[in-house]
Every structure is written in C-alpha cells, then in structure tokens.
Amino acid sequence: MATVLVPTPLRRLTGGQSKLTIAGENVGSLLRAADAQYPGIADKVFDGDGNVKRFINVFLNDDEIRTLQGLDTPVNENDRVSIVPAMAGGRE
C-alpha cells in the first residue's frame, strides 16, 4: 500500500489525518480509493472531466505526475503520493 500525504485544507475530510495508507495500482485508482474511504477528496482534486484540477499538483515521490503518465502513473507499495494545492497571494 502506498502513502497519500494529505494537505492541511483536506484534512477535515480525513478526520485530521495527514497520511493515509491506501491500495491502488496507479495514481488515479489510489486517489479514487482515498475518496471511497474519505468522501469529498475527489471533489477537491478532480475537475468535471476526471482530471486533476489545474491548480492542484500531485507528486509521486518527488515527481509531478503531469511529467510522468498522469493519473495512469503506476504506484508501488512503498511510494508516496502528495496532493499539493497551489498557493496564491503574497506581498506586493
């Protein structure tokens, strides 16, 4: 099973958990399995077409999945999948 690292804004959906241990053969199935256990995750991560929202980055270990095979990127049991929402704002 892989580890999904949950960002602070999504932890209200996971009962405050920052790490989830989830089974899945690729990143997409892993995130859908996380949503099955913790409903609402998919609504925050996926757009209406089932793709990762453009302002959300998903990493497999240290690589952004858009540079790999996207949601079809294979996942091994010792992998880390990080959901990273884009940050905005700052000082002018």
N, C-alpha and C. Protein backbone atom coordinates (compact mmCIF):
# COMPACT_ATOMS: atom_id res chain seq x y z
N MET A 1 0.83 -1.18 0.00
CA MET A 1 0.00 0.00 0.00
C MET A 1 0.88 1.24 0.00
N ALA A 2 0.45 2.23 -0.75
CA ALA A 2 1.18 3.49 -0.83
C ALA A 2 0.69 4.45 0.25
N THR A 3 1.45 5.49 0.48
CA THR A 3 1.09 6.52 1.45
C THR A 3 0.65 7.76 0.68
N VAL A 4 -0.53 8.27 1.04
CA VAL A 4 -1.02 9.52 0.46
C VAL A 4 -0.83 10.60 1.52
N LEU A 5 -0.07 11.65 1.16
CA LEU A 5 0.15 12.77 2.07
C LEU A 5 -0.94 13.80 1.80
N VAL A 6 -1.72 14.09 2.84
CA VAL A 6 -2.90 14.94 2.72
C VAL A 6 -2.56 16.36 3.17
N PRO A 7 -2.83 17.36 2.32
CA PRO A 7 -2.55 18.74 2.73
C PRO A 7 -3.54 19.22 3.79
N THR A 8 -3.15 20.21 4.53
CA THR A 8 -3.97 20.73 5.62
C THR A 8 -5.41 21.04 5.20
N PRO A 9 -5.66 21.70 4.05
CA PRO A 9 -7.04 22.01 3.69
C PRO A 9 -7.95 20.79 3.50
N LEU A 10 -7.38 19.63 3.22
CA LEU A 10 -8.20 18.42 3.00
C LEU A 10 -8.31 17.55 4.25
N ARG A 11 -7.60 17.88 5.29
CA ARG A 11 -7.60 17.02 6.47
C ARG A 11 -8.94 16.99 7.19
N ARG A 12 -9.78 17.99 6.96
CA ARG A 12 -11.12 17.95 7.57
C ARG A 12 -11.92 16.77 7.00
N LEU A 13 -11.56 16.34 5.78
CA LEU A 13 -12.24 15.21 5.16
C LEU A 13 -11.70 13.87 5.67
N THR A 14 -10.50 13.87 6.23
CA THR A 14 -9.86 12.62 6.67
C THR A 14 -9.82 12.51 8.19
N GLY A 15 -10.62 13.29 8.87
CA GLY A 15 -10.63 13.24 10.32
C GLY A 15 -9.32 13.74 10.92
N GLY A 16 -8.65 14.64 10.21
CA GLY A 16 -7.41 15.22 10.70
C GLY A 16 -6.15 14.45 10.34
N GLN A 17 -6.31 13.32 9.67
CA GLN A 17 -5.14 12.52 9.31
C GLN A 17 -4.32 13.19 8.21
N SER A 18 -3.01 13.21 8.38
CA SER A 18 -2.11 13.80 7.39
C SER A 18 -1.54 12.75 6.44
N LYS A 19 -1.63 11.48 6.82
CA LYS A 19 -1.12 10.38 5.99
C LYS A 19 -2.17 9.28 5.94
N LEU A 20 -2.42 8.80 4.74
CA LEU A 20 -3.34 7.69 4.53
C LEU A 20 -2.58 6.55 3.88
N THR A 21 -2.85 5.34 4.28
CA THR A 21 -2.28 4.17 3.64
C THR A 21 -3.38 3.56 2.78
N ILE A 22 -3.17 3.60 1.45
CA ILE A 22 -4.21 3.22 0.50
C ILE A 22 -3.62 2.30 -0.56
N ALA A 23 -4.42 1.35 -1.02
CA ALA A 23 -4.01 0.48 -2.11
C ALA A 23 -4.53 1.02 -3.43
N GLY A 24 -3.71 0.89 -4.47
CA GLY A 24 -4.11 1.28 -5.82
C GLY A 24 -2.99 0.93 -6.77
N GLU A 25 -3.34 0.60 -8.00
CA GLU A 25 -2.31 0.22 -8.96
C GLU A 25 -1.71 1.41 -9.68
N ASN A 26 -2.45 2.53 -9.71
CA ASN A 26 -1.91 3.76 -10.30
C ASN A 26 -2.42 4.96 -9.50
N VAL A 27 -1.93 6.14 -9.82
CA VAL A 27 -2.27 7.32 -9.03
C VAL A 27 -3.78 7.57 -9.06
N GLY A 28 -4.40 7.44 -10.20
CA GLY A 28 -5.84 7.67 -10.31
C GLY A 28 -6.65 6.73 -9.44
N SER A 29 -6.35 5.44 -9.49
CA SER A 29 -7.10 4.48 -8.67
C SER A 29 -6.82 4.68 -7.19
N LEU A 30 -5.63 5.11 -6.87
CA LEU A 30 -5.27 5.39 -5.48
C LEU A 30 -6.10 6.57 -4.94
N LEU A 31 -6.20 7.65 -5.72
CA LEU A 31 -6.97 8.81 -5.29
C LEU A 31 -8.46 8.49 -5.22
N ARG A 32 -8.96 7.67 -6.14
CA ARG A 32 -10.37 7.28 -6.08
C ARG A 32 -10.64 6.38 -4.87
N ALA A 33 -9.67 5.52 -4.52
CA ALA A 33 -9.81 4.69 -3.32
C ALA A 33 -9.79 5.55 -2.07
N ALA A 34 -8.97 6.59 -2.07
CA ALA A 34 -8.96 7.52 -0.93
C ALA A 34 -10.31 8.20 -0.80
N ASP A 35 -10.90 8.58 -1.93
CA ASP A 35 -12.23 9.21 -1.91
C ASP A 35 -13.30 8.25 -1.43
N ALA A 36 -13.17 6.96 -1.76
CA ALA A 36 -14.14 5.97 -1.30
C ALA A 36 -14.12 5.86 0.22
N GLN A 37 -12.93 5.98 0.81
CA GLN A 37 -12.81 5.91 2.27
C GLN A 37 -13.12 7.24 2.93
N TYR A 38 -12.80 8.33 2.25
CA TYR A 38 -12.97 9.68 2.79
C TYR A 38 -13.67 10.53 1.74
N PRO A 39 -15.00 10.41 1.65
CA PRO A 39 -15.75 11.12 0.62
C PRO A 39 -15.48 12.62 0.63
N GLY A 40 -15.37 13.16 -0.58
CA GLY A 40 -15.12 14.58 -0.74
C GLY A 40 -13.75 14.88 -1.31
N ILE A 41 -12.83 13.94 -1.19
CA ILE A 41 -11.48 14.15 -1.71
C ILE A 41 -11.52 14.35 -3.22
N ALA A 42 -12.26 13.50 -3.92
CA ALA A 42 -12.33 13.60 -5.39
C ALA A 42 -12.87 14.95 -5.82
N ASP A 43 -13.87 15.48 -5.12
CA ASP A 43 -14.43 16.78 -5.47
C ASP A 43 -13.39 17.89 -5.37
N LYS A 44 -12.46 17.74 -4.47
CA LYS A 44 -11.43 18.76 -4.28
C LYS A 44 -10.24 18.58 -5.23
N VAL A 45 -10.00 17.36 -5.69
CA VAL A 45 -8.81 17.07 -6.50
C VAL A 45 -9.12 17.02 -8.00
N PHE A 46 -10.27 16.46 -8.40
CA PHE A 46 -10.59 16.25 -9.80
C PHE A 46 -11.53 17.32 -10.35
N ASP A 47 -11.34 17.64 -11.64
CA ASP A 47 -12.27 18.56 -12.31
C ASP A 47 -13.44 17.75 -12.86
N GLY A 48 -14.32 18.40 -13.58
CA GLY A 48 -15.51 17.75 -14.13
C GLY A 48 -15.23 16.67 -15.15
N ASP A 49 -14.03 16.70 -15.73
CA ASP A 49 -13.64 15.68 -16.71
C ASP A 49 -12.88 14.52 -16.10
N GLY A 50 -12.67 14.56 -14.78
CA GLY A 50 -11.94 13.48 -14.11
C GLY A 50 -10.44 13.66 -14.10
N ASN A 51 -9.97 14.82 -14.51
CA ASN A 51 -8.53 15.12 -14.47
C ASN A 51 -8.21 15.89 -13.20
N VAL A 52 -6.93 15.90 -12.84
CA VAL A 52 -6.51 16.68 -11.68
C VAL A 52 -6.73 18.16 -12.01
N LYS A 53 -7.37 18.88 -11.08
CA LYS A 53 -7.60 20.31 -11.30
C LYS A 53 -6.27 21.01 -11.57
N ARG A 54 -6.31 22.03 -12.39
CA ARG A 54 -5.07 22.69 -12.83
C ARG A 54 -4.32 23.36 -11.70
N PHE A 55 -5.00 23.73 -10.63
CA PHE A 55 -4.32 24.38 -9.51
C PHE A 55 -3.94 23.40 -8.39
N ILE A 56 -4.07 22.12 -8.67
CA ILE A 56 -3.64 21.06 -7.76
C ILE A 56 -2.48 20.33 -8.41
N ASN A 57 -1.42 20.11 -7.66
CA ASN A 57 -0.30 19.30 -8.14
C ASN A 57 -0.30 18.00 -7.35
N VAL A 58 -0.05 16.92 -8.05
CA VAL A 58 0.05 15.61 -7.40
C VAL A 58 1.43 15.06 -7.74
N PHE A 59 2.15 14.68 -6.70
CA PHE A 59 3.50 14.16 -6.85
C PHE A 59 3.53 12.69 -6.50
N LEU A 60 4.28 11.91 -7.27
CA LEU A 60 4.62 10.54 -6.91
C LEU A 60 6.07 10.61 -6.47
N ASN A 61 6.29 10.42 -5.20
CA ASN A 61 7.60 10.62 -4.60
C ASN A 61 8.02 12.06 -4.88
N ASP A 62 9.02 12.31 -5.71
CA ASP A 62 9.47 13.69 -5.96
C ASP A 62 9.10 14.20 -7.35
N ASP A 63 8.30 13.44 -8.10
CA ASP A 63 7.99 13.81 -9.48
C ASP A 63 6.51 14.16 -9.63
N GLU A 64 6.25 15.31 -10.26
CA GLU A 64 4.89 15.73 -10.53
C GLU A 64 4.31 14.78 -11.58
N ILE A 65 3.10 14.27 -11.35
CA ILE A 65 2.56 13.23 -12.23
C ILE A 65 2.32 13.71 -13.65
N ARG A 66 2.16 15.02 -13.86
CA ARG A 66 1.97 15.52 -15.23
C ARG A 66 3.22 15.30 -16.08
N THR A 67 4.38 15.15 -15.43
CA THR A 67 5.63 14.87 -16.16
C THR A 67 5.85 13.37 -16.32
N LEU A 68 4.98 12.58 -15.73
CA LEU A 68 5.07 11.12 -15.83
C LEU A 68 3.93 10.64 -16.74
N GLN A 69 3.09 9.76 -16.25
CA GLN A 69 1.97 9.23 -17.03
C GLN A 69 0.63 9.75 -16.52
N GLY A 70 0.66 10.88 -15.83
CA GLY A 70 -0.57 11.45 -15.30
C GLY A 70 -1.21 10.51 -14.29
N LEU A 71 -2.52 10.43 -14.32
CA LEU A 71 -3.24 9.56 -13.38
C LEU A 71 -2.97 8.09 -13.62
N ASP A 72 -2.43 7.74 -14.79
CA ASP A 72 -2.09 6.35 -15.09
C ASP A 72 -0.71 5.95 -14.59
N THR A 73 -0.02 6.85 -13.91
CA THR A 73 1.31 6.56 -13.38
C THR A 73 1.22 5.41 -12.37
N PRO A 74 1.95 4.31 -12.60
CA PRO A 74 1.91 3.17 -11.67
C PRO A 74 2.42 3.55 -10.28
N VAL A 75 1.83 2.89 -9.28
CA VAL A 75 2.19 3.12 -7.88
C VAL A 75 2.65 1.80 -7.27
N ASN A 76 3.77 1.85 -6.57
CA ASN A 76 4.27 0.69 -5.82
C ASN A 76 3.96 0.86 -4.34
N GLU A 77 4.08 -0.21 -3.60
CA GLU A 77 3.64 -0.17 -2.20
C GLU A 77 4.45 0.77 -1.31
N ASN A 78 5.66 1.10 -1.66
CA ASN A 78 6.46 2.00 -0.82
C ASN A 78 6.47 3.44 -1.32
N ASP A 79 5.62 3.75 -2.32
CA ASP A 79 5.59 5.09 -2.88
C ASP A 79 4.81 6.06 -1.99
N ARG A 80 5.13 7.35 -2.17
CA ARG A 80 4.43 8.45 -1.52
C ARG A 80 3.72 9.26 -2.59
N VAL A 81 2.45 9.52 -2.39
CA VAL A 81 1.70 10.38 -3.28
C VAL A 81 1.30 11.62 -2.48
N SER A 82 1.74 12.78 -2.96
CA SER A 82 1.47 14.04 -2.26
C SER A 82 0.49 14.86 -3.07
N ILE A 83 -0.55 15.36 -2.39
CA ILE A 83 -1.51 16.27 -3.00
C ILE A 83 -1.11 17.67 -2.55
N VAL A 84 -0.79 18.53 -3.51
CA VAL A 84 -0.28 19.86 -3.17
C VAL A 84 -1.12 20.93 -3.86
N PRO A 85 -1.98 21.62 -3.10
CA PRO A 85 -2.74 22.72 -3.71
C PRO A 85 -1.81 23.90 -3.98
N ALA A 86 -2.10 24.62 -5.06
CA ALA A 86 -1.30 25.80 -5.39
C ALA A 86 -1.51 26.88 -4.34
N MET A 87 -0.46 27.60 -4.10
CA MET A 87 -0.52 28.73 -3.16
C MET A 87 -0.64 30.01 -3.97
N ALA A 88 -1.42 30.95 -3.48
CA ALA A 88 -1.56 32.23 -4.16
C ALA A 88 -1.44 33.35 -3.15
N GLY A 89 -1.20 34.50 -3.67
CA GLY A 89 -1.14 35.66 -2.79
C GLY A 89 0.28 36.05 -2.50
N GLY A 90 0.44 36.85 -1.53
CA GLY A 90 1.76 37.32 -1.16
C GLY A 90 1.75 38.82 -1.03
N ARG A 91 2.89 39.35 -0.88
CA ARG A 91 3.02 40.78 -0.65
C ARG A 91 3.41 41.48 -1.95
N GLU A 92 2.79 42.60 -2.20
CA GLU A 92 3.11 43.37 -3.41
C GLU A 92 4.31 44.24 -3.19
